[in-house]
Amino acid sequence: TIEEKKRLLKNWILRDHHSASNQAGPSSPEEYVEELKRQNVGEQITDQQDQVIEKLRVSLSTNGLSWVKKFGEHNGLDVLLDILKTCVSIGFTGKDALLRRIQHHCVRCIKAFMNNKYGLTRVLQKEDGLLIFVSAMDPYNESMTTDVLRVVAAVCLVADGHDRVLEAVTVNGEMCNINRFDPVLTALKMTKNPVFQLACMQFINAIVNTPEDMDFRVHLRNEFMRGGLGEVLAQLREINLQDLTLHLDIFDEHRENDFEEIQQKLKAIQFEFNEVDEVFKMVNSVTQNTVAGHHFLSILQHMLLIRDDYWARPQYFKLIDKCVSQVVLHRTGLDPDFHYTQKFILDVDSIIDGFIDKARVQEAEYKVGDLETLLTNEESARNEVEAKLMSTSDTLKELQTTYETEKAQKDAEIAQLRDELTKRPVIVQSVAGGAPPPPPPPGNVPPPPPPPPGVGPPPPP
């Protein structure tokens, strides 16, 4: 009948729609969450699980923020973290390739979920969210580790993100009984992939350069260098990749800036603490009742053994100063290798003897310099005196010449006067009863002429 045909057609349409829905898989956030819960990765590992998680990654990447929020509201993030945690705990025994793909797809899903403020906030709100995500780092899976490093490097730049990432990396290292940065450094030493190397350097720069405290930056940088980063940096420089070179330059630039800041800090210390007692009290206060206090005491005790020699003692302290300066203020801005516990192989006697000889030569040079300065001053004074003497001698010669010229003129005038007196006639007139003329004055001066006629000498009193 017609009704029977309609019923059969309706059942066929419903059955076909249900079959198509099963082939297409989940589409809404709720369906994805339910499907992930139904397919327990811990119990079995199938290709269908891998396909569902891969489709979820595409949905999280292509759908809008409202879709991502609905997925989070239905505890989708918790399900993804549980799957990732299970994959990490199972390891790669058995179905290595399939489990590796599922783990990587799960990492990509969380990465897509965190690609917005809402998702990032949800991950940071979970106490173990970053820890589970960081635990997926695997030096032998470069692609997955690259995704993890890029995400956590970006998280370091948000508020409170650096502390959370560092905490997650530290706890993961403690759980695995390794140094916290070993997965990154091991991968960096093994890989020849420049993209992976770039992701490692991005993570290292984000970890090292984000803190504002200079001492903390130096501490983190030294931890990477002790782990073997210094051995890899030179090799990375040889790779012709612009972005990688940029991050290597950033690493070196921040290291040099921190070293200059340490130098400025030393100058400030030398300016503010310039008294021995004050510096001793400061060092003693920071080392007292600590393990460092025993070493500080040992240093002082060894200094008491420096032999009392006028030349040697200053050179011992000079050598100690240089050694301490190179250990504390290494040009690389890095801590020394604290694992190197062997004695320094130094021929101290030869070094001190060389310093003593050098000090004696320097003192002799100082004395020679002083004598040369004194001799130069004496020569300058002598030249000045000689110049004055020459000037005085010239003046005397001029005066002598002037004197002789004037004397010759006076002598000529006197001789001329004498000639005139000699040629003039002498007139003698006697007056009766008069007194005799006065005697001629002494010398060559002629006598005064006689009085005119009729004028006699004055009467006597």
Foldseek 3Di string as FASTA:
>chain_A
DVVVVVVVVVVVVVVVVVVVDVVVADDALVRLQVVLVVPDVLVDFDVVLLVSLLVLLVCLQPDDPVRLVVNVVNVVLVSLLVLLLSLLVVDQPDVNVRSLSSNLSSLSNLLSSCPDPVSVVVQVVDPCSLLSSCSSQALVDLVSNLSSLVVLLVLLPDVVSLVSNVVSLCVSCVVVVHHSCLSLLVSLVPDPDVSSVLSSLSSLCSNQVSDPDLVSSQVSVQVVVLSPPVVRLVVQVVDPDVSSVVSSVVVQVSQQVSLVVVVVVVVVCCVVPVDPVVVVVVVCVVCPPHPVNVVVVVVVVVLVVQDPDPQQNVLVVVVVVVVVCCQVRPNSSYHDNPVPPDDDPDPVVVSSVVSSVVVVVVVVVVVVVVVVVVVVVVVVVVVVVVVVVVVVVVVVVVVVVVVVVVVVVVVVVVVVVLVVVVPDDADADDDVVADHDDDADPDSDGRDHDDDPPDGDDDDD
